PDB file of N, CA and C in Angstrom:
ATOM      1  N   MET A   1      56.185  42.137 -37.831  1.00  0.00           N
ATOM      2  CA  MET A   1      56.774  40.855 -37.783  1.00  0.00           C
ATOM      3  C   MET A   1      55.615  39.868 -37.500  1.00  0.00           C
ATOM      4  N   GLU A   2      55.667  38.719 -38.239  1.00  0.00           N
ATOM      5  CA  GLU A   2      54.711  37.674 -37.966  1.00  0.00           C
ATOM      6  C   GLU A   2      55.250  36.675 -37.112  1.00  0.00           C
ATOM      7  N   VAL A   3      54.401  36.218 -36.186  1.00  0.00           N
ATOM      8  CA  VAL A   3      54.772  35.191 -35.233  1.00  0.00           C
ATOM      9  C   VAL A   3      53.688  34.059 -35.230  1.00  0.00           C
ATOM     10  N   MET A   4      54.143  32.853 -35.256  1.00  0.00           N
ATOM     11  CA  MET A   4      53.230  31.744 -35.208  1.00  0.00           C
ATOM     12  C   MET A   4      53.090  31.286 -33.768  1.00  0.00           C
ATOM     13  N   LEU A   5      51.844  31.049 -33.299  1.00  0.00           N
ATOM     14  CA  LEU A   5      51.589  30.491 -32.034  1.00  0.00           C
ATOM     15  C   LEU A   5      50.963  29.124 -32.233  1.00  0.00           C
ATOM     16  N   TRP A   6      51.560  28.188 -31.482  1.00  0.00           N
ATOM     17  CA  TRP A   6      51.015  26.810 -31.504  1.00  0.00           C
ATOM     18  C   TRP A   6      50.781  26.463 -29.935  1.00  0.00           C
ATOM     19  N   VAL A   7      49.557  26.204 -29.642  1.00  0.00           N
ATOM     20  CA  VAL A   7      49.260  25.925 -28.240  1.00  0.00           C
ATOM     21  C   VAL A   7      48.378  24.661 -28.125  1.00  0.00           C
ATOM     22  N   LYS A   8      48.758  23.856 -27.125  1.00  0.00           N
ATOM     23  CA  LYS A   8      47.926  22.636 -26.878  1.00  0.00           C
ATOM     24  C   LYS A   8      47.089  22.943 -25.581  1.00  0.00           C
ATOM     25  N   ILE A   9      45.891  22.727 -25.694  1.00  0.00           N
ATOM     26  CA  ILE A   9      44.977  22.976 -24.577  1.00  0.00           C
ATOM     27  C   ILE A   9      44.594  21.632 -23.898  1.00  0.00           C
ATOM     28  N   GLU A  10      44.713  21.690 -22.572  1.00  0.00           N
ATOM     29  CA  GLU A  10      44.493  20.415 -21.776  1.00  0.00           C
ATOM     30  C   GLU A  10      43.372  20.714 -20.723  1.00  0.00           C
ATOM     31  N   LYS A  11      42.309  19.843 -20.802  1.00  0.00           N
ATOM     32  CA  LYS A  11      41.203  19.985 -19.936  1.00  0.00           C
ATOM     33  C   LYS A  11      41.529  19.445 -18.612  1.00  0.00           C
ATOM     34  N   PRO A  12      41.544  20.185 -17.547  1.00  0.00           N
ATOM     35  CA  PRO A  12      41.839  19.622 -16.196  1.00  0.00           C
ATOM     36  C   PRO A  12      40.763  18.674 -15.772  1.00  0.00           C
ATOM     37  N   ALA A  13      41.123  17.602 -15.175  1.00  0.00           N
ATOM     38  CA  ALA A  13      40.142  16.539 -14.821  1.00  0.00           C
ATOM     39  C   ALA A  13      39.026  17.107 -13.863  1.00  0.00           C
ATOM     40  N   GLU A  14      39.350  18.060 -13.019  1.00  0.00           N
ATOM     41  CA  GLU A  14      38.372  18.604 -12.070  1.00  0.00           C
ATOM     42  C   GLU A  14      37.475  19.714 -12.721  1.00  0.00           C
ATOM     43  N   THR A  15      37.657  19.989 -13.972  1.00  0.00           N
ATOM     44  CA  THR A  15      36.867  21.012 -14.637  1.00  0.00           C
ATOM     45  C   THR A  15      35.841  20.205 -15.482  1.00  0.00           C
ATOM     46  N   SER A  16      34.514  20.717 -15.303  1.00  0.00           N
ATOM     47  CA  SER A  16      33.436  20.075 -16.107  1.00  0.00           C
ATOM     48  C   SER A  16      33.624  20.466 -17.540  1.00  0.00           C
ATOM     49  N   ASN A  17      32.995  19.610 -18.422  1.00  0.00           N
ATOM     50  CA  ASN A  17      32.968  19.966 -19.871  1.00  0.00           C
ATOM     51  C   ASN A  17      32.363  21.288 -20.052  1.00  0.00           C
ATOM     52  N   LYS A  18      31.231  21.513 -19.387  1.00  0.00           N
ATOM     53  CA  LYS A  18      30.539  22.751 -19.532  1.00  0.00           C
ATOM     54  C   LYS A  18      31.481  24.004 -19.320  1.00  0.00           C
ATOM     55  N   ASP A  19      32.185  23.967 -18.255  1.00  0.00           N
ATOM     56  CA  ASP A  19      33.042  25.093 -17.846  1.00  0.00           C
ATOM     57  C   ASP A  19      34.330  25.216 -18.748  1.00  0.00           C
ATOM     58  N   PHE A  20      34.753  24.079 -19.112  1.00  0.00           N
ATOM     59  CA  PHE A  20      35.992  23.973 -20.040  1.00  0.00           C
ATOM     60  C   PHE A  20      35.608  24.611 -21.424  1.00  0.00           C
ATOM     61  N   PHE A  21      34.470  24.184 -21.977  1.00  0.00           N
ATOM     62  CA  PHE A  21      34.120  24.697 -23.298  1.00  0.00           C
ATOM     63  C   PHE A  21      33.509  26.058 -23.181  1.00  0.00           C
ATOM     64  N   GLU A  22      32.987  26.519 -22.131  1.00  0.00           N
ATOM     65  CA  GLU A  22      32.487  27.887 -21.972  1.00  0.00           C
ATOM     66  C   GLU A  22      33.716  28.890 -22.012  1.00  0.00           C
ATOM     67  N   VAL A  23      34.740  28.519 -21.300  1.00  0.00           N
ATOM     68  CA  VAL A  23      35.979  29.367 -21.361  1.00  0.00           C
ATOM     69  C   VAL A  23      36.593  29.361 -22.783  1.00  0.00           C
ATOM     70  N   TRP A  24      36.574  28.226 -23.425  1.00  0.00           N
ATOM     71  CA  TRP A  24      37.060  28.193 -24.762  1.00  0.00           C
ATOM     72  C   TRP A  24      36.228  28.948 -25.745  1.00  0.00           C
ATOM     73  N   ARG A  25      34.863  28.933 -25.520  1.00  0.00           N
ATOM     74  CA  ARG A  25      33.924  29.755 -26.326  1.00  0.00           C
ATOM     75  C   ARG A  25      34.227  31.217 -26.183  1.00  0.00           C
ATOM     76  N   GLN A  26      34.418  31.693 -24.974  1.00  0.00           N
ATOM     77  CA  GLN A  26      34.762  32.983 -24.781  1.00  0.00           C
ATOM     78  C   GLN A  26      36.152  33.377 -25.440  1.00  0.00           C
ATOM     79  N   GLU A  27      37.049  32.513 -25.399  1.00  0.00           N
ATOM     80  CA  GLU A  27      38.355  32.787 -26.017  1.00  0.00           C
ATOM     81  C   GLU A  27      38.155  32.874 -27.475  1.00  0.00           C
ATOM     82  N   SER A  28      37.269  32.018 -28.072  1.00  0.00           N
ATOM     83  CA  SER A  28      37.016  32.037 -29.541  1.00  0.00           C
ATOM     84  C   SER A  28      36.458  33.396 -30.027  1.00  0.00           C
ATOM     85  N   VAL A  29      35.587  34.002 -29.149  1.00  0.00           N
ATOM     86  CA  VAL A  29      34.981  35.240 -29.529  1.00  0.00           C
ATOM     87  C   VAL A  29      36.071  36.293 -29.490  1.00  0.00           C
ATOM     88  N   ALA A  30      36.914  36.250 -28.496  1.00  0.00           N
ATOM     89  CA  ALA A  30      38.028  37.278 -28.440  1.00  0.00           C
ATOM     90  C   ALA A  30      39.005  37.052 -29.541  1.00  0.00           C
ATOM     91  N   ALA A  31      39.383  35.799 -29.895  1.00  0.00           N
ATOM     92  CA  ALA A  31      40.270  35.525 -30.927  1.00  0.00           C
ATOM     93  C   ALA A  31      39.753  36.017 -32.339  1.00  0.00           C
ATOM     94  N   LEU A  32      38.453  35.737 -32.634  1.00  0.00           N
ATOM     95  CA  LEU A  32      38.005  36.216 -33.879  1.00  0.00           C
ATOM     96  C   LEU A  32      37.757  37.730 -33.968  1.00  0.00           C
ATOM     97  N   GLU A  33      37.579  38.411 -32.807  1.00  0.00           N
ATOM     98  CA  GLU A  33      37.607  39.829 -32.783  1.00  0.00           C
ATOM     99  C   GLU A  33      39.065  40.337 -33.117  1.00  0.00           C
ATOM    100  N   ALA A  34      40.079  39.676 -32.578  1.00  0.00           N
ATOM    101  CA  ALA A  34      41.547  40.018 -32.900  1.00  0.00           C
ATOM    102  C   ALA A  34      41.774  39.795 -34.423  1.00  0.00           C
ATOM    103  N   VAL A  35      41.169  38.800 -35.012  1.00  0.00           N
ATOM    104  CA  VAL A  35      41.291  38.636 -36.441  1.00  0.00           C
ATOM    105  C   VAL A  35      40.746  39.819 -37.131  1.00  0.00           C
ATOM    106  N   LYS A  36      39.533  40.229 -36.816  1.00  0.00           N
ATOM    107  CA  LYS A  36      38.931  41.397 -37.398  1.00  0.00           C
ATOM    108  C   LYS A  36      39.726  42.594 -37.221  1.00  0.00           C
ATOM    109  N   ALA A  37      40.343  42.764 -36.021  1.00  0.00           N
ATOM    110  CA  ALA A  37      41.129  43.903 -35.736  1.00  0.00           C
ATOM    111  C   ALA A  37      42.563  43.952 -36.401  1.00  0.00           C
ATOM    112  N   GLY A  38      42.879  42.764 -36.902  1.00  0.00           N
ATOM    113  CA  GLY A  38      44.279  42.618 -37.618  1.00  0.00           C
ATOM    114  C   GLY A  38      45.404  42.228 -36.810  1.00  0.00           C
ATOM    115  N   VAL A  39      45.129  41.916 -35.487  1.00  0.00           N
ATOM    116  CA  VAL A  39      46.156  41.546 -34.582  1.00  0.00           C
ATOM    117  C   VAL A  39      46.530  40.094 -34.891  1.00  0.00           C
ATOM    118  N   ILE A  40      45.509  39.253 -35.128  1.00  0.00           N
ATOM    119  CA  ILE A  40      45.706  37.884 -35.554  1.00  0.00           C
ATOM    120  C   ILE A  40      45.454  37.794 -37.051  1.00  0.00           C
ATOM    121  N   LYS A  41      46.356  37.329 -37.785  1.00  0.00           N
ATOM    122  CA  LYS A  41      46.215  37.326 -39.263  1.00  0.00           C
ATOM    123  C   LYS A  41      45.349  36.141 -39.635  1.00  0.00           C
ATOM    124  N   ASN A  42      45.534  35.020 -38.880  1.00  0.00           N
ATOM    125  CA  ASN A  42      44.671  33.777 -39.137  1.00  0.00           C
ATOM    126  C   ASN A  42      44.773  32.898 -37.969  1.00  0.00           C
ATOM    127  N   ILE A  43      43.742  32.066 -37.779  1.00  0.00           N
ATOM    128  CA  ILE A  43      43.739  31.123 -36.698  1.00  0.00           C
ATOM    129  C   ILE A  43      43.141  29.861 -37.107  1.00  0.00           C
ATOM    130  N   TRP A  44      43.612  28.765 -36.577  1.00  0.00           N
ATOM    131  CA  TRP A  44      43.080  27.460 -36.883  1.00  0.00           C
ATOM    132  C   TRP A  44      42.957  26.601 -35.683  1.00  0.00           C
ATOM    133  N   LYS A  45      41.972  25.709 -35.609  1.00  0.00           N
ATOM    134  CA  LYS A  45      41.894  24.693 -34.537  1.00  0.00           C
ATOM    135  C   LYS A  45      42.310  23.377 -35.224  1.00  0.00           C
ATOM    136  N   VAL A  46      43.302  22.629 -34.691  1.00  0.00           N
ATOM    137  CA  VAL A  46      43.758  21.491 -35.269  1.00  0.00           C
ATOM    138  C   VAL A  46      42.589  20.387 -35.142  1.00  0.00           C
ATOM    139  N   ALA A  47      42.254  19.795 -36.297  1.00  0.00           N
ATOM    140  CA  ALA A  47      41.107  18.872 -36.309  1.00  0.00           C
ATOM    141  C   ALA A  47      41.462  17.636 -35.410  1.00  0.00           C
ATOM    142  N   GLY A  48      40.519  17.272 -34.591  1.00  0.00           N
ATOM    143  CA  GLY A  48      40.705  16.087 -33.776  1.00  0.00           C
ATOM    144  C   GLY A  48      41.590  16.236 -32.530  1.00  0.00           C
ATOM    145  N   LYS A  49      42.085  17.451 -32.284  1.00  0.00           N
ATOM    146  CA  LYS A  49      42.959  17.670 -31.111  1.00  0.00           C
ATOM    147  C   LYS A  49      42.494  19.003 -30.393  1.00  0.00           C
ATOM    148  N   PHE A  50      42.794  19.143 -29.187  1.00  0.00           N
ATOM    149  CA  PHE A  50      42.689  20.431 -28.508  1.00  0.00           C
ATOM    150  C   PHE A  50      43.949  21.279 -28.755  1.00  0.00           C
ATOM    151  N   GLU A  51      44.159  21.684 -29.938  1.00  0.00           N
ATOM    152  CA  GLU A  51      45.210  22.552 -30.318  1.00  0.00           C
ATOM    153  C   GLU A  51      44.816  23.652 -31.178  1.00  0.00           C
ATOM    154  N   VAL A  52      45.508  24.802 -31.034  1.00  0.00           N
ATOM    155  CA  VAL A  52      45.166  26.023 -31.812  1.00  0.00           C
ATOM    156  C   VAL A  52      46.545  26.494 -32.385  1.00  0.00           C
ATOM    157  N   ILE A  53      46.448  26.931 -33.674  1.00  0.00           N
ATOM    158  CA  ILE A  53      47.569  27.525 -34.341  1.00  0.00           C
ATOM    159  C   ILE A  53      47.048  28.938 -34.794  1.00  0.00           C
ATOM    160  N   ALA A  54      47.926  29.961 -34.580  1.00  0.00           N
ATOM    161  CA  ALA A  54      47.554  31.278 -34.995  1.00  0.00           C
ATOM    162  C   ALA A  54      48.785  32.055 -35.557  1.00  0.00           C
ATOM    163  N   VAL A  55      48.595  32.896 -36.423  1.00  0.00           N
ATOM    164  CA  VAL A  55      49.677  33.778 -36.909  1.00  0.00           C
ATOM    165  C   VAL A  55      49.280  35.204 -36.519  1.00  0.00           C
ATOM    166  N   LEU A  56      50.157  35.852 -35.709  1.00  0.00           N
ATOM    167  CA  LEU A  56      49.896  37.178 -35.152  1.00  0.00           C
ATOM    168  C   LEU A  56      50.902  38.110 -35.929  1.00  0.00           C
ATOM    169  N   ASP A  57      50.427  39.331 -36.063  1.00  0.00           N
ATOM    170  CA  ASP A  57      51.265  40.392 -36.698  1.00  0.00           C
ATOM    171  C   ASP A  57      51.565  41.396 -35.553  1.00  0.00           C
ATOM    172  N   ILE A  58      52.779  41.367 -35.188  1.00  0.00           N
ATOM    173  CA  ILE A  58      53.210  42.250 -33.992  1.00  0.00           C
ATOM    174  C   ILE A  58      54.520  43.050 -34.433  1.00  0.00           C
ATOM    175  N   THR A  59      54.641  44.158 -33.664  1.00  0.00           N
ATOM    176  CA  THR A  59      55.944  44.973 -33.941  1.00  0.00           C
ATOM    177  C   THR A  59      57.016  44.650 -32.927  1.00  0.00           C
ATOM    178  N   GLU A  60      56.711  44.189 -31.698  1.00  0.00           N
ATOM    179  CA  GLU A  60      57.710  43.809 -30.722  1.00  0.00           C
ATOM    180  C   GLU A  60      57.177  42.859 -29.747  1.00  0.00           C
ATOM    181  N   GLY A  61      57.983  42.357 -28.908  1.00  0.00           N
ATOM    182  CA  GLY A  61      57.648  41.434 -27.896  1.00  0.00           C
ATOM    183  C   GLY A  61      56.539  41.876 -26.899  1.00  0.00           C
ATOM    184  N   ASP A  62      56.627  43.216 -26.575  1.00  0.00           N
ATOM    185  CA  ASP A  62      55.619  43.703 -25.699  1.00  0.00           C
ATOM    186  C   ASP A  62      54.191  43.557 -26.320  1.00  0.00           C
ATOM    187  N   ASP A  63      54.001  43.640 -27.597  1.00  0.00           N
ATOM    188  CA  ASP A  63      52.735  43.484 -28.300  1.00  0.00           C
ATOM    189  C   ASP A  63      52.307  42.035 -28.045  1.00  0.00           C
ATOM    190  N   LEU A  64      53.183  41.092 -28.088  1.00  0.00           N
ATOM    191  CA  LEU A  64      52.832  39.771 -27.967  1.00  0.00           C
ATOM    192  C   LEU A  64      52.353  39.408 -26.569  1.00  0.00           C
ATOM    193  N   ASP A  65      53.000  39.953 -25.556  1.00  0.00           N
ATOM    194  CA  ASP A  65      52.600  39.795 -24.160  1.00  0.00           C
ATOM    195  C   ASP A  65      51.278  40.459 -23.932  1.00  0.00           C
ATOM    196  N   ALA A  66      51.033  41.653 -24.458  1.00  0.00           N
ATOM    197  CA  ALA A  66      49.721  42.350 -24.335  1.00  0.00           C
ATOM    198  C   ALA A  66      48.631  41.535 -25.049  1.00  0.00           C
ATOM    199  N   ALA A  67      48.768  40.979 -26.156  1.00  0.00           N
ATOM    200  CA  ALA A  67      47.796  40.232 -26.884  1.00  0.00           C
ATOM    201  C   ALA A  67      47.410  38.972 -26.071  1.00  0.00           C
ATOM    202  N   VAL A  68      48.359  38.318 -25.598  1.00  0.00           N
ATOM    203  CA  VAL A  68      48.158  37.040 -24.791  1.00  0.00           C
ATOM    204  C   VAL A  68      47.408  37.306 -23.444  1.00  0.00           C
ATOM    205  N   HIS A  69      47.820  38.330 -22.713  1.00  0.00           N
ATOM    206  CA  HIS A  69      47.186  38.552 -21.470  1.00  0.00           C
ATOM    207  C   HIS A  69      45.889  39.297 -21.603  1.00  0.00           C
ATOM    208  N   ALA A  70      45.474  39.710 -22.770  1.00  0.00           N
ATOM    209  CA  ALA A  70      44.189  40.302 -22.958  1.00  0.00           C
ATOM    210  C   ALA A  70      43.147  39.345 -23.250  1.00  0.00           C
ATOM    211  N   LEU A  71      43.557  38.040 -23.517  1.00  0.00           N
ATOM    212  CA  LEU A  71      42.677  36.970 -23.901  1.00  0.00           C
ATOM    213  C   LEU A  71      41.903  36.383 -22.732  1.00  0.00           C
ATOM    214  N   PRO A  72      40.611  35.993 -22.872  1.00  0.00           N
ATOM    215  CA  PRO A  72      39.823  35.415 -21.724  1.00  0.00           C
ATOM    216  C   PRO A  72      40.407  34.305 -21.019  1.00  0.00           C
ATOM    217  N   ILE A  73      41.261  33.402 -21.678  1.00  0.00           N
ATOM    218  CA  ILE A  73      41.794  32.284 -21.013  1.00  0.00           C
ATOM    219  C   ILE A  73      42.759  32.731 -19.814  1.00  0.00           C
ATOM    220  N   TRP A  74      43.348  33.884 -20.086  1.00  0.00           N
ATOM    221  CA  TRP A  74      44.246  34.413 -19.014  1.00  0.00           C
ATOM    222  C   TRP A  74      43.470  35.224 -18.030  1.00  0.00           C
ATOM    223  N   LYS A  75      42.575  36.104 -18.540  1.00  0.00           N
ATOM    224  CA  LYS A  75      41.761  36.968 -17.567  1.00  0.00           C
ATOM    225  C   LYS A  75      40.808  36.102 -16.667  1.00  0.00           C
ATOM    226  N   LEU A  76      40.345  34.986 -17.148  1.00  0.00           N
ATOM    227  CA  LEU A  76      39.418  34.242 -16.265  1.00  0.00           C
ATOM    228  C   LEU A  76      40.282  33.197 -15.371  1.00  0.00           C
ATOM    229  N   GLY A  77      41.540  33.293 -15.422  1.00  0.00           N
ATOM    230  CA  GLY A  77      42.360  32.341 -14.631  1.00  0.00           C
ATOM    231  C   GLY A  77      42.533  30.955 -15.078  1.00  0.00           C
ATOM    232  N   TYR A  78      42.416  30.745 -16.391  1.00  0.00           N
ATOM    233  CA  TYR A  78      42.630  29.379 -16.979  1.00  0.00           C
ATOM    234  C   TYR A  78      43.841  29.334 -17.791  1.00  0.00           C
ATOM    235  N   ALA A  79      44.810  30.120 -17.583  1.00  0.00           N
ATOM    236  CA  ALA A  79      46.129  30.011 -18.329  1.00  0.00           C
ATOM    237  C   ALA A  79      46.782  28.731 -18.159  1.00  0.00           C
ATOM    238  N   HIS A  80      46.478  28.002 -17.048  1.00  0.00           N
ATOM    239  CA  HIS A  80      47.152  26.768 -16.797  1.00  0.00           C
ATOM    240  C   HIS A  80      46.716  25.627 -17.759  1.00  0.00           C
ATOM    241  N   ILE A  81      45.592  25.924 -18.437  1.00  0.00           N
ATOM    242  CA  ILE A  81      45.108  24.810 -19.457  1.00  0.00           C
ATOM    243  C   ILE A  81      45.881  24.878 -20.730  1.00  0.00           C
ATOM    244  N   ALA A  82      46.616  26.097 -20.948  1.00  0.00           N
ATOM    245  CA  ALA A  82      47.375  26.177 -22.174  1.00  0.00           C
ATOM    246  C   ALA A  82      48.713  25.543 -21.954  1.00  0.00           C
ATOM    247  N   LYS A  83      48.983  24.401 -22.621  1.00  0.00           N
ATOM    248  CA  LYS A  83      50.189  23.608 -22.369  1.00  0.00           C
ATOM    249  C   LYS A  83      51.046  23.745 -23.649  1.00  0.00           C
ATOM    250  N   ASP A  84      52.276  23.482 -23.642  1.00  0.00           N
ATOM    251  CA  ASP A  84      53.207  23.393 -24.701  1.00  0.00           C
ATOM    252  C   ASP A  84      52.996  24.568 -25.672  1.00  0.00           C
ATOM    253  N   ILE A  85      53.092  25.825 -25.147  1.00  0.00           N
ATOM    254  CA  ILE A  85      52.984  26.969 -25.954  1.00  0.00           C
ATOM    255  C   ILE A  85      54.283  27.149 -26.664  1.00  0.00           C
ATOM    256  N   THR A  86      54.154  27.251 -28.097  1.00  0.00           N
ATOM    257  CA  THR A  86      55.377  27.474 -28.875  1.00  0.00           C
ATOM    258  C   THR A  86      55.138  28.795 -29.753  1.00  0.00           C
ATOM    259  N   TRP A  87      56.093  29.658 -29.653  1.00  0.00           N
ATOM    260  CA  TRP A  87      56.085  30.852 -30.446  1.00  0.00           C
ATOM    261  C   TRP A  87      57.200  30.769 -31.482  1.00  0.00           C
ATOM    262  N   THR A  88      56.908  31.037 -32.759  1.00  0.00           N
ATOM    263  CA  THR A  88      57.924  30.920 -33.783  1.00  0.00           C
ATOM    264  C   THR A  88      57.897  32.216 -34.605  1.00  0.00           C
ATOM    265  N   ILE A  89      59.023  32.931 -34.720  1.00  0.00           N
ATOM    266  CA  ILE A  89      59.035  34.049 -35.551  1.00  0.00           C
ATOM    267  C   ILE A  89      59.163  33.588 -37.021  1.00  0.00           C
ATOM    268  N   LEU A  90      58.334  34.233 -37.770  1.00  0.00           N
ATOM    269  CA  LEU A  90      58.280  33.857 -39.305  1.00  0.00           C
ATOM    270  C   LEU A  90      58.919  34.938 -40.078  1.00  0.00           C
ATOM    271  N   ARG A  91      59.487  34.584 -41.222  1.00  0.00           N
ATOM    272  CA  ARG A  91      60.015  35.512 -42.160  1.00  0.00           C
ATOM    273  C   ARG A  91      59.496  35.192 -43.513  1.00  0.00           C
ATOM    274  N   PRO A  92      59.280  36.098 -44.468  1.00  0.00           N
ATOM    275  CA  PRO A  92      58.837  35.743 -45.714  1.00  0.00           C
ATOM    276  C   PRO A  92      59.871  34.827 -46.484  1.00  0.00           C
ATOM    277  N   TYR A  93      59.272  33.913 -47.117  1.00  0.00           N
ATOM    278  CA  TYR A  93      60.204  32.911 -47.822  1.00  0.00           C
ATOM    279  C   TYR A  93      60.922  33.618 -48.939  1.00  0.00           C
ATOM    280  N   ALA A  94      60.311  34.670 -49.571  1.00  0.00           N
ATOM    281  CA  ALA A  94      60.997  35.390 -50.621  1.00  0.00           C
ATOM    282  C   ALA A  94      62.253  36.017 -50.094  1.00  0.00           C
ATOM    283  N   ASN A  95      62.303  36.471 -48.927  1.00  0.00           N
ATOM    284  CA  ASN A  95      63.496  37.033 -48.280  1.00  0.00           C
ATOM    285  C   ASN A  95      64.574  35.982 -48.193  1.00  0.00           C
ATOM    286  N   TRP A  96      64.142  34.764 -47.751  1.00  0.00           N
ATOM    287  CA  TRP A  96      65.068  33.617 -47.609  1.00  0.00           C
ATOM    288  C   TRP A  96      65.690  33.247 -48.964  1.00  0.00           C
ATOM    289  N   ALA A  97      64.801  33.252 -50.032  1.00  0.00           N
ATOM    290  CA  ALA A  97      65.209  32.880 -51.393  1.00  0.00           C
ATOM    291  C   ALA A  97      66.282  33.904 -51.801  1.00  0.00           C
ATOM    292  N   GLU A  98      66.111  35.158 -51.494  1.00  0.00           N
ATOM    293  CA  GLU A  98      67.160  36.188 -51.860  1.00  0.00           C
ATOM    294  C   GLU A  98      68.462  35.898 -51.109  1.00  0.00           C
ATOM    295  N   GLN A  99      68.360  35.569 -49.859  1.00  0.00           N
ATOM    296  CA  GLN A  99      69.527  35.352 -49.018  1.00  0.00           C
ATOM    297  C   GLN A  99      70.273  34.036 -49.613  1.00  0.00           C
ATOM    298  N   LEU A 100      69.517  33.130 -50.032  1.00  0.00           N
ATOM    299  CA  LEU A 100      70.108  31.897 -50.681  1.00  0.00           C
ATOM    300  C   LEU A 100      71.004  32.160 -51.819  1.00  0.00           C
ATOM    301  N   LYS A 101      70.578  33.153 -52.604  1.00  0.00           N
ATOM    302  CA  LYS A 101      71.484  33.571 -53.772  1.00  0.00           C
ATOM    303  C   LYS A 101      72.892  33.848 -53.255  1.00  0.00           C
ATOM    304  N   GLU A 102      73.023  34.562 -52.155  1.00  0.00           N
ATOM    305  CA  GLU A 102      74.350  34.969 -51.616  1.00  0.00           C
ATOM    306  C   GLU A 102      74.985  33.713 -50.964  1.00  0.00           C
ATOM    307  N   LEU A 103      74.205  32.982 -50.129  1.00  0.00           N
ATOM    308  CA  LEU A 103      74.751  31.869 -49.498  1.00  0.00           C
ATOM    309  C   LEU A 103      75.250  30.736 -50.402  1.00  0.00           C
ATOM    310  N   SER A 104      74.567  30.607 -51.511  1.00  0.00           N
ATOM    311  CA  SER A 104      75.008  29.579 -52.432  1.00  0.00           C
ATOM    312  C   SER A 104      76.277  29.948 -53.224  1.00  0.00           C
ATOM    313  N   LYS A 105      76.782  31.112 -53.150  1.00  0.00           N
ATOM    314  CA  LYS A 105      77.975  31.508 -53.795  1.00  0.00           C
ATOM    315  C   LYS A 105      79.239  31.036 -53.055  1.00  0.00           C
ATOM    316  N   GLY A 106      78.959  30.644 -51.742  1.00  0.00           N
ATOM    317  CA  GLY A 106      80.157  30.175 -50.992  1.00  0.00           C
ATOM    318  C   GLY A 106      80.825  31.128 -50.219  1.00  0.00           C
TER     319      GLY A 106
END
């Protein structure tokens, strides 16, 4: 099952730029390793904003929790900088198109 993650990152006022971006750098290394491993299908940083969008391939909710808590942002105690986390379960559009054939019959 594919799941889209959309997270807004907020830099705490008391955190230096150096510390903030170092945590994010470590996170980026782990995220790109997850892409190589196939856990994350793709990942993007929203241009001009501290936001990240990723599509993960999981089999169940437990996989989602394991993936999230394995990331440096959580391990290093910076989970509080991840704001407005949104998870959206995705389905192939072709499957929806097939369902529409039935739904459109009334």
